[in-house]
């Protein structure tokens, strides 16, 4: 059925299905196509993602997926009452031994030069409001559970640990606010194409594709912080050398400003790993997933002192000259 619709709408013959893809994908010739379902179609957002994709491809990044125009003159098609868009990537050889930090810095530099105004996909300048909303939401849940009394181990652990992580979140907000008051953004602090969540595995796919539906328009330190947090959690005893190398590689293209360094640290302070674990638990996951989340929360809270040590030495590890830049320290770490 979908093969017929693809051929009818795009003139593309489906040759074989691509396994292990996040979205339904198939190959035709030397191109891999991904079918991106659209639950709700917001035309402005779709247009922004298409513009970001087009801009980066013009900049020379052929690993960025291109939107495929259907023969009815729209990027949107329909199959089984489900709207979708089609993305295309030429098959590119895996990049062996690529330096992720350097590649990310180039990606950010190219995304920063986009002329189009991005609003629907933008998160830049919104961190404070988004963080405060998450803190407030979890505080309401915490108060409810405290009054009702916990009925399982996860809720008990949440009640015991949330005050600490609430304060950590509030510290992150304050660090961010102080940065915006005391420092000034440089040209490197302009908005760019970022990932919703950039991690060590984001660019490890052997097919090497960059999907515009994974992106937001934000400050580059969003990606740096999320990569660093993920790398730390995956390599909790051996992260030092890899983290230093990543930031060396990133800054070999463009150095961070003091404003960037402070935003990066504010984002590292915000305990998103704790918040997301609790948020997912209280959205009624399956029993097996709930057990996994309980284990995750236990691991996060047991290693809180190690994470404090990581934060205390973060500037040093990232080889950011905190003293020269006059970056404020967080006294209690």
C-alpha atoms as a PDB file:
ATOM      1  CA  UNK A   1       0.000   0.000   0.000  1.00  0.00           C
ATOM      2  CA  UNK A   2       2.621   2.543   1.081  1.00  0.00           C
ATOM      3  CA  UNK A   3       4.846   1.450  -1.840  1.00  0.00           C
ATOM      4  CA  UNK A   4       2.076   2.343  -4.276  1.00  0.00           C
ATOM      5  CA  UNK A   5       1.505   5.740  -2.643  1.00  0.00           C
ATOM      6  CA  UNK A   6       5.247   6.519  -2.691  1.00  0.00           C
ATOM      7  CA  UNK A   7       5.443   5.645  -6.378  1.00  0.00           C
ATOM      8  CA  UNK A   8       2.243   7.494  -7.196  1.00  0.00           C
ATOM      9  CA  UNK A   9       3.184  10.667  -5.263  1.00  0.00           C
ATOM     10  CA  UNK A  10       6.947  10.796  -5.826  1.00  0.00           C
ATOM     11  CA  UNK A  11       7.714   8.483  -8.750  1.00  0.00           C
ATOM     12  CA  UNK A  12      10.105   6.544  -6.504  1.00  0.00           C
ATOM     13  CA  UNK A  13      10.232   2.738  -6.586  1.00  0.00           C
ATOM     14  CA  UNK A  14      10.692   1.125  -3.159  1.00  0.00           C
ATOM     15  CA  UNK A  15      13.497  -1.425  -3.598  1.00  0.00           C
ATOM     16  CA  UNK A  16      14.024  -2.676  -0.065  1.00  0.00           C
ATOM     17  CA  UNK A  17      13.143  -1.778   3.496  1.00  0.00           C
ATOM     18  CA  UNK A  18      15.842  -0.356   5.763  1.00  0.00           C
ATOM     19  CA  UNK A  19      15.918  -2.059   9.160  1.00  0.00           C
ATOM     20  CA  UNK A  20      16.752  -0.546  12.548  1.00  0.00           C
ATOM     21  CA  UNK A  21      15.683   2.974  11.622  1.00  0.00           C
ATOM     22  CA  UNK A  22      13.877   5.363  13.921  1.00  0.00           C
ATOM     23  CA  UNK A  23      11.339   6.087  11.170  1.00  0.00           C
ATOM     24  CA  UNK A  24      10.028   3.731   8.451  1.00  0.00           C
ATOM     25  CA  UNK A  25      12.778   3.818   5.823  1.00  0.00           C
ATOM     26  CA  UNK A  26      13.550   2.255   2.473  1.00  0.00           C
ATOM     27  CA  UNK A  27      16.238   2.333  -0.179  1.00  0.00           C
ATOM     28  CA  UNK A  28      15.878   3.200  -3.842  1.00  0.00           C
ATOM     29  CA  UNK A  29      19.091   3.279  -5.849  1.00  0.00           C
ATOM     30  CA  UNK A  30      21.811   4.984  -3.814  1.00  0.00           C
ATOM     31  CA  UNK A  31      19.320   6.948  -1.690  1.00  0.00           C
ATOM     32  CA  UNK A  32      17.725   6.126   1.655  1.00  0.00           C
ATOM     33  CA  UNK A  33      14.262   7.611   2.177  1.00  0.00           C
ATOM     34  CA  UNK A  34      12.604   8.117   5.562  1.00  0.00           C
ATOM     35  CA  UNK A  35       8.850   8.463   6.050  1.00  0.00           C
ATOM     36  CA  UNK A  36       8.163  10.993   8.813  1.00  0.00           C
ATOM     37  CA  UNK A  37       4.590  10.751  10.168  1.00  0.00           C
ATOM     38  CA  UNK A  38       2.963  14.053  11.074  1.00  0.00           C
ATOM     39  CA  UNK A  39       0.566  13.808  14.002  1.00  0.00           C
ATOM     40  CA  UNK A  40      -0.276  17.472  13.747  1.00  0.00           C
ATOM     41  CA  UNK A  41       0.737  19.660  10.861  1.00  0.00           C
ATOM     42  CA  UNK A  42       1.895  23.115  11.763  1.00  0.00           C
ATOM     43  CA  UNK A  43       2.778  24.650   8.442  1.00  0.00           C
ATOM     44  CA  UNK A  44       5.150  27.257   9.889  1.00  0.00           C
ATOM     45  CA  UNK A  45       7.151  24.666  11.813  1.00  0.00           C
ATOM     46  CA  UNK A  46       7.374  22.391   8.783  1.00  0.00           C
ATOM     47  CA  UNK A  47       8.583  25.280   6.669  1.00  0.00           C
ATOM     48  CA  UNK A  48      11.241  26.197   9.238  1.00  0.00           C
ATOM     49  CA  UNK A  49      12.584  22.638   9.320  1.00  0.00           C
ATOM     50  CA  UNK A  50      12.696  22.600   5.531  1.00  0.00           C
ATOM     51  CA  UNK A  51      14.525  25.963   5.485  1.00  0.00           C
ATOM     52  CA  UNK A  52      17.106  24.768   8.035  1.00  0.00           C
ATOM     53  CA  UNK A  53      17.683  21.595   6.022  1.00  0.00           C
ATOM     54  CA  UNK A  54      18.024  23.517   2.771  1.00  0.00           C
ATOM     55  CA  UNK A  55      20.426  26.042   4.312  1.00  0.00           C
ATOM     56  CA  UNK A  56      22.771  23.401   5.744  1.00  0.00           C
ATOM     57  CA  UNK A  57      22.805  21.450   2.488  1.00  0.00           C
ATOM     58  CA  UNK A  58      23.693  24.631   0.594  1.00  0.00           C
ATOM     59  CA  UNK A  59      26.509  25.104   3.137  1.00  0.00           C
ATOM     60  CA  UNK A  60      27.851  21.758   1.926  1.00  0.00           C
ATOM     61  CA  UNK A  61      26.569  19.312   4.536  1.00  0.00           C
ATOM     62  CA  UNK A  62      25.249  16.473   2.387  1.00  0.00           C
ATOM     63  CA  UNK A  63      24.576  14.299   5.426  1.00  0.00           C
ATOM     64  CA  UNK A  64      21.543  16.520   6.137  1.00  0.00           C
ATOM     65  CA  UNK A  65      18.281  14.938   5.002  1.00  0.00           C
ATOM     66  CA  UNK A  66      16.482  16.775   2.193  1.00  0.00           C
ATOM     67  CA  UNK A  67      12.706  17.199   1.985  1.00  0.00           C
ATOM     68  CA  UNK A  68      11.260  15.514  -1.106  1.00  0.00           C
ATOM     69  CA  UNK A  69       8.610  17.462  -3.016  1.00  0.00           C
ATOM     70  CA  UNK A  70       5.651  15.322  -4.140  1.00  0.00           C
ATOM     71  CA  UNK A  71       4.360  15.598  -7.681  1.00  0.00           C
ATOM     72  CA  UNK A  72       1.195  17.257  -6.347  1.00  0.00           C
ATOM     73  CA  UNK A  73       3.328  20.279  -5.375  1.00  0.00           C
ATOM     74  CA  UNK A  74       3.473  19.773  -1.609  1.00  0.00           C
ATOM     75  CA  UNK A  75       5.927  18.206   0.821  1.00  0.00           C
ATOM     76  CA  UNK A  76       2.975  16.594   2.659  1.00  0.00           C
ATOM     77  CA  UNK A  77       1.344  13.356   1.496  1.00  0.00           C
ATOM     78  CA  UNK A  78      -1.187  10.992   3.016  1.00  0.00           C
ATOM     79  CA  UNK A  79      -1.384   7.216   3.506  1.00  0.00           C
ATOM     80  CA  UNK A  80      -4.023   5.371   5.553  1.00  0.00           C
ATOM     81  CA  UNK A  81      -5.379   8.675   6.909  1.00  0.00           C
ATOM     82  CA  UNK A  82      -1.883   9.551   8.179  1.00  0.00           C
ATOM     83  CA  UNK A  83      -0.073  12.626   6.893  1.00  0.00           C
ATOM     84  CA  UNK A  84       3.654  12.299   6.282  1.00  0.00           C
ATOM     85  CA  UNK A  85       6.680  13.898   4.641  1.00  0.00           C
ATOM     86  CA  UNK A  86       9.477  12.103   2.838  1.00  0.00           C
ATOM     87  CA  UNK A  87      13.159  12.796   3.564  1.00  0.00           C
ATOM     88  CA  UNK A  88      16.052  11.689   1.369  1.00  0.00           C
ATOM     89  CA  UNK A  89      19.755  11.014   1.980  1.00  0.00           C
ATOM     90  CA  UNK A  90      22.300   9.743  -0.463  1.00  0.00           C
ATOM     91  CA  UNK A  91      24.138   6.795   1.057  1.00  0.00           C
ATOM     92  CA  UNK A  92      27.367   8.189   2.512  1.00  0.00           C
ATOM     93  CA  UNK A  93      30.283   6.109   3.708  1.00  0.00           C
ATOM     94  CA  UNK A  94      30.591   6.075   7.502  1.00  0.00           C
ATOM     95  CA  UNK A  95      33.078   8.638   8.741  1.00  0.00           C
ATOM     96  CA  UNK A  96      35.713   6.686  10.576  1.00  0.00           C
ATOM     97  CA  UNK A  97      37.557   8.348  13.446  1.00  0.00           C
ATOM     98  CA  UNK A  98      35.708  11.619  12.985  1.00  0.00           C
ATOM     99  CA  UNK A  99      36.147  14.127  15.790  1.00  0.00           C
ATOM    100  CA  UNK A 100      32.626  14.727  17.057  1.00  0.00           C
ATOM    101  CA  UNK A 101      33.517  17.983  18.806  1.00  0.00           C
ATOM    102  CA  UNK A 102      35.043  19.506  15.674  1.00  0.00           C
ATOM    103  CA  UNK A 103      32.177  18.277  13.453  1.00  0.00           C
ATOM    104  CA  UNK A 104      29.635  19.753  15.868  1.00  0.00           C
ATOM    105  CA  UNK A 105      31.433  23.109  15.927  1.00  0.00           C
ATOM    106  CA  UNK A 106      31.362  23.259  12.105  1.00  0.00           C
ATOM    107  CA  UNK A 107      27.676  22.270  12.135  1.00  0.00           C
ATOM    108  CA  UNK A 108      26.916  25.099  14.579  1.00  0.00           C
ATOM    109  CA  UNK A 109      28.930  27.638  12.563  1.00  0.00           C
ATOM    110  CA  UNK A 110      27.012  26.723   9.404  1.00  0.00           C
ATOM    111  CA  UNK A 111      23.647  26.826  11.194  1.00  0.00           C
ATOM    112  CA  UNK A 112      24.445  30.208  12.686  1.00  0.00           C
ATOM    113  CA  UNK A 113      24.582  31.812   9.235  1.00  0.00           C
ATOM    114  CA  UNK A 114      20.950  31.071   8.352  1.00  0.00           C
ATOM    115  CA  UNK A 115      19.096  34.196   7.210  1.00  0.00           C
ATOM    116  CA  UNK A 116      15.580  32.888   7.752  1.00  0.00           C
ATOM    117  CA  UNK A 117      13.787  33.910  10.945  1.00  0.00           C
ATOM    118  CA  UNK A 118      13.152  30.799  13.048  1.00  0.00           C
ATOM    119  CA  UNK A 119      10.405  31.114  15.659  1.00  0.00           C
ATOM    120  CA  UNK A 120       8.341  27.903  15.905  1.00  0.00           C
ATOM    121  CA  UNK A 121      11.432  25.731  16.398  1.00  0.00           C
ATOM    122  CA  UNK A 122      13.237  28.299  18.557  1.00  0.00           C
ATOM    123  CA  UNK A 123      14.234  27.651  22.175  1.00  0.00           C
ATOM    124  CA  UNK A 124      16.893  30.348  22.432  1.00  0.00           C
ATOM    125  CA  UNK A 125      16.185  32.754  25.284  1.00  0.00           C
ATOM    126  CA  UNK A 126      13.493  30.446  26.694  1.00  0.00           C
ATOM    127  CA  UNK A 127      15.515  28.309  29.095  1.00  0.00           C
ATOM    128  CA  UNK A 128      14.511  30.238  32.209  1.00  0.00           C
ATOM    129  CA  UNK A 129      10.774  29.909  31.599  1.00  0.00           C
ATOM    130  CA  UNK A 130      11.035  26.257  30.561  1.00  0.00           C
ATOM    131  CA  UNK A 131      13.169  25.318  33.577  1.00  0.00           C
ATOM    132  CA  UNK A 132      10.962  27.182  36.040  1.00  0.00           C
ATOM    133  CA  UNK A 133       7.877  25.459  34.625  1.00  0.00           C
ATOM    134  CA  UNK A 134       9.470  22.037  35.124  1.00  0.00           C
ATOM    135  CA  UNK A 135      10.539  22.839  38.678  1.00  0.00           C
ATOM    136  CA  UNK A 136       7.040  24.107  39.538  1.00  0.00           C
ATOM    137  CA  UNK A 137       5.357  21.068  37.994  1.00  0.00           C
ATOM    138  CA  UNK A 138       7.508  18.601  39.935  1.00  0.00           C
ATOM    139  CA  UNK A 139       7.094  20.595  43.139  1.00  0.00           C
ATOM    140  CA  UNK A 140       3.307  20.281  42.792  1.00  0.00           C
ATOM    141  CA  UNK A 141       3.616  16.511  42.313  1.00  0.00           C
ATOM    142  CA  UNK A 142       6.000  16.309  45.275  1.00  0.00           C
ATOM    143  CA  UNK A 143       3.583  18.168  47.569  1.00  0.00           C
ATOM    144  CA  UNK A 144       0.709  15.924  46.461  1.00  0.00           C
ATOM    145  CA  UNK A 145       2.703  12.754  47.125  1.00  0.00           C
ATOM    146  CA  UNK A 146       3.930  14.099  50.457  1.00  0.00           C
ATOM    147  CA  UNK A 147       0.352  14.681  51.635  1.00  0.00           C
ATOM    148  CA  UNK A 148      -1.002  11.421  50.223  1.00  0.00           C
ATOM    149  CA  UNK A 149       2.002   9.407  51.505  1.00  0.00           C
ATOM    150  CA  UNK A 150       4.102   7.358  49.071  1.00  0.00           C
ATOM    151  CA  UNK A 151       2.742   3.964  48.032  1.00  0.00           C
ATOM    152  CA  UNK A 152       5.887   2.497  46.466  1.00  0.00           C
ATOM    153  CA  UNK A 153       9.683   2.717  46.526  1.00  0.00           C
ATOM    154  CA  UNK A 154       9.911   5.187  43.623  1.00  0.00           C
ATOM    155  CA  UNK A 155       7.571   7.686  45.267  1.00  0.00           C
ATOM    156  CA  UNK A 156       9.416   7.329  48.578  1.00  0.00           C
ATOM    157  CA  UNK A 157      12.747   8.028  46.903  1.00  0.00           C
ATOM    158  CA  UNK A 158      11.243  10.964  45.003  1.00  0.00           C
ATOM    159  CA  UNK A 159       9.864  12.501  48.215  1.00  0.00           C
ATOM    160  CA  UNK A 160      13.246  12.142  49.937  1.00  0.00           C
ATOM    161  CA  UNK A 161      15.397  13.509  47.111  1.00  0.00           C
ATOM    162  CA  UNK A 162      13.353  16.136  45.277  1.00  0.00           C
ATOM    163  CA  UNK A 163      14.170  19.063  47.627  1.00  0.00           C
ATOM    164  CA  UNK A 164      17.868  18.684  46.748  1.00  0.00           C
ATOM    165  CA  UNK A 165      17.192  18.550  42.991  1.00  0.00           C
ATOM    166  CA  UNK A 166      14.742  21.439  43.233  1.00  0.00           C
ATOM    167  CA  UNK A 167      17.504  23.592  44.779  1.00  0.00           C
ATOM    168  CA  UNK A 168      19.943  22.416  42.100  1.00  0.00           C
ATOM    169  CA  UNK A 169      17.436  23.467  39.435  1.00  0.00           C
ATOM    170  CA  UNK A 170      16.911  26.834  41.118  1.00  0.00           C
ATOM    171  CA  UNK A 171      20.699  27.320  41.222  1.00  0.00           C
ATOM    172  CA  UNK A 172      20.819  26.697  37.476  1.00  0.00           C
ATOM    173  CA  UNK A 173      18.099  29.299  36.887  1.00  0.00           C
ATOM    174  CA  UNK A 174      19.953  31.830  39.052  1.00  0.00           C
ATOM    175  CA  UNK A 175      23.248  31.171  37.267  1.00  0.00           C
ATOM    176  CA  UNK A 176      21.451  31.731  33.966  1.00  0.00           C
ATOM    177  CA  UNK A 177      19.798  34.956  35.143  1.00  0.00           C
ATOM    178  CA  UNK A 178      23.109  36.298  36.478  1.00  0.00           C
ATOM    179  CA  UNK A 179      24.753  35.518  33.135  1.00  0.00           C
ATOM    180  CA  UNK A 180      22.142  37.497  31.226  1.00  0.00           C
ATOM    181  CA  UNK A 181      22.531  40.443  33.644  1.00  0.00           C
ATOM    182  CA  UNK A 182      26.323  40.478  34.071  1.00  0.00           C
ATOM    183  CA  UNK A 183      27.652  39.368  30.686  1.00  0.00           C
ATOM    184  CA  UNK A 184      27.098  40.200  27.025  1.00  0.00           C
ATOM    185  CA  UNK A 185      26.594  37.803  24.120  1.00  0.00           C
ATOM    186  CA  UNK A 186      29.176  37.722  21.330  1.00  0.00           C
ATOM    187  CA  UNK A 187      28.684  36.794  17.655  1.00  0.00           C
ATOM    188  CA  UNK A 188      29.292  33.152  18.594  1.00  0.00           C
ATOM    189  CA  UNK A 189      26.225  33.385  20.854  1.00  0.00           C
ATOM    190  CA  UNK A 190      23.752  33.827  18.007  1.00  0.00           C
ATOM    191  CA  UNK A 191      21.124  31.122  17.594  1.00  0.00           C
ATOM    192  CA  UNK A 192      21.967  28.067  15.522  1.00  0.00           C
ATOM    193  CA  UNK A 193      20.643  24.673  14.538  1.00  0.00           C
ATOM    194  CA  UNK A 194      20.859  22.341  17.544  1.00  0.00           C
ATOM    195  CA  UNK A 195      19.463  18.979  18.515  1.00  0.00           C
ATOM    196  CA  UNK A 196      16.622  18.426  20.926  1.00  0.00           C
ATOM    197  CA  UNK A 197      19.072  16.113  22.694  1.00  0.00           C
ATOM    198  CA  UNK A 198      22.586  15.681  21.313  1.00  0.00           C
ATOM    199  CA  UNK A 199      24.399  12.660  22.747  1.00  0.00           C
ATOM    200  CA  UNK A 200      27.375  10.444  22.065  1.00  0.00           C
ATOM    201  CA  UNK A 201      25.218   8.194  19.871  1.00  0.00           C
ATOM    202  CA  UNK A 202      23.478  10.916  17.807  1.00  0.00           C
ATOM    203  CA  UNK A 203      26.008  10.821  14.970  1.00  0.00           C
ATOM    204  CA  UNK A 204      27.152   7.233  15.392  1.00  0.00           C
ATOM    205  CA  UNK A 205      24.586   5.806  12.971  1.00  0.00           C
ATOM    206  CA  UNK A 206      26.488   4.072  10.184  1.00  0.00           C
ATOM    207  CA  UNK A 207      24.145   5.692   7.637  1.00  0.00           C
ATOM    208  CA  UNK A 208      25.235   9.114   8.899  1.00  0.00           C
ATOM    209  CA  UNK A 209      22.067  11.169   8.474  1.00  0.00           C
ATOM    210  CA  UNK A 210      20.987  14.381  10.111  1.00  0.00           C
ATOM    211  CA  UNK A 211      17.222  14.521  10.503  1.00  0.00           C
ATOM    212  CA  UNK A 212      15.613  18.008  10.614  1.00  0.00           C
ATOM    213  CA  UNK A 213      12.865  16.628  12.879  1.00  0.00           C
ATOM    214  CA  UNK A 214      15.473  16.120  15.608  1.00  0.00           C
ATOM    215  CA  UNK A 215      16.377  19.817  15.647  1.00  0.00           C
ATOM    216  CA  UNK A 216      15.571  22.980  17.559  1.00  0.00           C
ATOM    217  CA  UNK A 217      16.968  26.475  17.012  1.00  0.00           C
ATOM    218  CA  UNK A 218      18.905  27.374  20.131  1.00  0.00           C
ATOM    219  CA  UNK A 219      22.191  28.438  21.652  1.00  0.00           C
ATOM    220  CA  UNK A 220      25.040  26.093  20.668  1.00  0.00           C
ATOM    221  CA  UNK A 221      25.819  25.245  24.303  1.00  0.00           C
ATOM    222  CA  UNK A 222      22.591  23.239  24.432  1.00  0.00           C
ATOM    223  CA  UNK A 223      24.334  20.516  22.403  1.00  0.00           C
ATOM    224  CA  UNK A 224      27.606  20.827  24.301  1.00  0.00           C
ATOM    225  CA  UNK A 225      25.913  20.411  27.678  1.00  0.00           C
ATOM    226  CA  UNK A 226      23.731  17.500  26.629  1.00  0.00           C
ATOM    227  CA  UNK A 227      26.689  15.676  25.050  1.00  0.00           C
ATOM    228  CA  UNK A 228      28.818  16.251  28.163  1.00  0.00           C
ATOM    229  CA  UNK A 229      26.089  15.072  30.552  1.00  0.00           C
ATOM    230  CA  UNK A 230      25.405  11.956  28.480  1.00  0.00           C
ATOM    231  CA  UNK A 231      29.122  11.180  28.131  1.00  0.00           C
ATOM    232  CA  UNK A 232      29.629  11.551  31.867  1.00  0.00           C
ATOM    233  CA  UNK A 233      26.720   9.219  32.651  1.00  0.00           C
ATOM    234  CA  UNK A 234      27.953   6.570  30.211  1.00  0.00           C
ATOM    235  CA  UNK A 235      31.550   6.786  31.447  1.00  0.00           C
ATOM    236  CA  UNK A 236      31.107   7.800  35.055  1.00  0.00           C
ATOM    237  CA  UNK A 237      34.562   6.586  36.161  1.00  0.00           C
ATOM    238  CA  UNK A 238      36.560   7.331  32.988  1.00  0.00           C
ATOM    239  CA  UNK A 239      34.992  10.459  31.470  1.00  0.00           C
ATOM    240  CA  UNK A 240      37.838  12.912  32.034  1.00  0.00           C
ATOM    241  CA  UNK A 241      40.022  12.354  28.958  1.00  0.00           C
ATOM    242  CA  UNK A 242      37.137  11.982  26.484  1.00  0.00           C
ATOM    243  CA  UNK A 243      35.381  15.089  27.759  1.00  0.00           C
ATOM    244  CA  UNK A 244      38.556  17.185  27.564  1.00  0.00           C
ATOM    245  CA  UNK A 245      39.228  15.946  24.011  1.00  0.00           C
ATOM    246  CA  UNK A 246      35.668  16.766  22.900  1.00  0.00           C
ATOM    247  CA  UNK A 247      35.950  20.382  24.063  1.00  0.00           C
ATOM    248  CA  UNK A 248      39.442  20.742  22.597  1.00  0.00           C
ATOM    249  CA  UNK A 249      38.096  19.564  19.245  1.00  0.00           C
ATOM    250  CA  UNK A 250      35.064  21.835  19.448  1.00  0.00           C
ATOM    251  CA  UNK A 251      37.136  24.917  20.246  1.00  0.00           C
ATOM    252  CA  UNK A 252      39.649  24.141  17.485  1.00  0.00           C
ATOM    253  CA  UNK A 253      37.050  25.688  15.147  1.00  0.00           C
ATOM    254  CA  UNK A 254      35.664  28.470  17.347  1.00  0.00           C
ATOM    255  CA  UNK A 255      36.344  29.404  20.960  1.00  0.00           C
ATOM    256  CA  UNK A 256      33.546  29.801  23.469  1.00  0.00           C
ATOM    257  CA  UNK A 257      32.842  33.303  24.717  1.00  0.00           C
ATOM    258  CA  UNK A 258      32.488  33.951  28.448  1.00  0.00           C
ATOM    259  CA  UNK A 259      28.726  34.238  27.848  1.00  0.00           C
ATOM    260  CA  UNK A 260      28.742  30.800  26.161  1.00  0.00           C
ATOM    261  CA  UNK A 261      30.797  29.287  28.967  1.00  0.00           C
ATOM    262  CA  UNK A 262      28.340  30.542  31.568  1.00  0.00           C
ATOM    263  CA  UNK A 263      25.279  29.340  29.638  1.00  0.00           C
ATOM    264  CA  UNK A 264      26.952  25.961  29.229  1.00  0.00           C
ATOM    265  CA  UNK A 265      27.535  25.719  32.978  1.00  0.00           C
ATOM    266  CA  UNK A 266      23.991  26.805  33.804  1.00  0.00           C
ATOM    267  CA  UNK A 267      22.700  23.977  31.624  1.00  0.00           C
ATOM    268  CA  UNK A 268      25.077  21.498  33.258  1.00  0.00           C
ATOM    269  CA  UNK A 269      23.773  22.577  36.668  1.00  0.00           C
ATOM    270  CA  UNK A 270      20.161  21.944  35.693  1.00  0.00           C
ATOM    271  CA  UNK A 271      19.546  18.264  36.627  1.00  0.00           C
ATOM    272  CA  UNK A 272      17.549  17.330  33.546  1.00  0.00           C
ATOM    273  CA  UNK A 273      18.428  13.632  33.971  1.00  0.00           C
ATOM    274  CA  UNK A 274      16.633  13.570  37.346  1.00  0.00           C
ATOM    275  CA  UNK A 275      13.678  15.655  36.152  1.00  0.00           C
ATOM    276  CA  UNK A 276      13.050  13.541  33.061  1.00  0.00           C
ATOM    277  CA  UNK A 277      13.159  10.307  35.026  1.00  0.00           C
ATOM    278  CA  UNK A 278      10.504  11.555  37.457  1.00  0.00           C
ATOM    279  CA  UNK A 279       8.379  13.127  34.703  1.00  0.00           C
ATOM    280  CA  UNK A 280       8.314   9.892  32.718  1.00  0.00           C
ATOM    281  CA  UNK A 281       7.413   7.841  35.780  1.00  0.00           C
ATOM    282  CA  UNK A 282       4.359   9.966  36.519  1.00  0.00           C
ATOM    283  CA  UNK A 283       3.041   9.679  32.941  1.00  0.00           C
ATOM    284  CA  UNK A 284       1.969   6.052  33.536  1.00  0.00           C
ATOM    285  CA  UNK A 285       4.697   3.951  31.890  1.00  0.00           C
ATOM    286  CA  UNK A 286       4.437   0.164  31.585  1.00  0.00           C
ATOM    287  CA  UNK A 287       5.315  -1.876  34.663  1.00  0.00           C
ATOM    288  CA  UNK A 288       8.671  -2.955  33.228  1.00  0.00           C
ATOM    289  CA  UNK A 289       9.544   0.623  32.292  1.00  0.00           C
ATOM    290  CA  UNK A 290       8.476   1.830  35.757  1.00  0.00           C
ATOM    291  CA  UNK A 291      10.939  -0.655  37.272  1.00  0.00           C
ATOM    292  CA  UNK A 292      13.689   0.634  34.980  1.00  0.00           C
ATOM    293  CA  UNK A 293      12.928   4.221  36.001  1.00  0.00           C
ATOM    294  CA  UNK A 294      13.088   3.253  39.675  1.00  0.00           C
ATOM    295  CA  UNK A 295      16.560   1.799  39.075  1.00  0.00           C
ATOM    296  CA  UNK A 296      17.596   4.925  37.165  1.00  0.00           C
ATOM    297  CA  UNK A 297      16.398   7.252  39.922  1.00  0.00           C
ATOM    298  CA  UNK A 298      18.218   5.191  42.520  1.00  0.00           C
ATOM    299  CA  UNK A 299      21.430   5.344  40.493  1.00  0.00           C
ATOM    300  CA  UNK A 300      21.142   9.117  39.958  1.00  0.00           C
ATOM    301  CA  UNK A 301      20.566   9.869  43.613  1.00  0.00           C
ATOM    302  CA  UNK A 302      23.264   7.505  44.882  1.00  0.00           C
ATOM    303  CA  UNK A 303      25.829   9.158  42.621  1.00  0.00           C
ATOM    304  CA  UNK A 304      24.866  12.746  43.495  1.00  0.00           C
ATOM    305  CA  UNK A 305      28.189  13.435  45.239  1.00  0.00           C
ATOM    306  CA  UNK A 306      30.111  12.209  42.202  1.00  0.00           C
ATOM    307  CA  UNK A 307      28.019  14.506  40.004  1.00  0.00           C
ATOM    308  CA  UNK A 308      28.795  17.438  42.304  1.00  0.00           C
ATOM    309  CA  UNK A 309      32.504  16.645  41.917  1.00  0.00           C
ATOM    310  CA  UNK A 310      32.034  16.563  38.121  1.00  0.00           C
ATOM    311  CA  UNK A 311      30.314  19.963  38.185  1.00  0.00           C
ATOM    312  CA  UNK A 312      32.948  21.463  40.496  1.00  0.00           C
ATOM    313  CA  UNK A 313      35.744  20.588  38.064  1.00  0.00           C
ATOM    314  CA  UNK A 314      33.797  20.994  34.827  1.00  0.00           C
ATOM    315  CA  UNK A 315      35.427  24.227  33.592  1.00  0.00           C
ATOM    316  CA  UNK A 316      38.846  22.752  34.268  1.00  0.00           C
ATOM    317  CA  UNK A 317      38.013  19.513  32.395  1.00  0.00           C
ATOM    318  CA  UNK A 318      36.585  21.444  29.429  1.00  0.00           C
ATOM    319  CA  UNK A 319      39.730  23.606  29.419  1.00  0.00           C
ATOM    320  CA  UNK A 320      37.661  26.764  29.757  1.00  0.00           C
ATOM    321  CA  UNK A 321      39.792  29.501  31.415  1.00  0.00           C
ATOM    322  CA  UNK A 322      37.348  30.298  34.201  1.00  0.00           C
ATOM    323  CA  UNK A 323      39.677  32.647  36.087  1.00  0.00           C
ATOM    324  CA  UNK A 324      40.681  34.617  32.984  1.00  0.00           C
ATOM    325  CA  UNK A 325      37.022  34.910  31.908  1.00  0.00           C
ATOM    326  CA  UNK A 326      35.996  35.776  35.480  1.00  0.00           C
ATOM    327  CA  UNK A 327      33.378  33.045  35.518  1.00  0.00           C
ATOM    328  CA  UNK A 328      31.541  32.817  38.838  1.00  0.00           C
ATOM    329  CA  UNK A 329      31.905  29.700  40.963  1.00  0.00           C
ATOM    330  CA  UNK A 330      29.018  27.940  42.672  1.00  0.00           C
ATOM    331  CA  UNK A 331      30.079  28.195  46.298  1.00  0.00           C
ATOM    332  CA  UNK A 332      28.406  25.099  47.737  1.00  0.00           C
ATOM    333  CA  UNK A 333      29.927  22.638  45.265  1.00  0.00           C
END
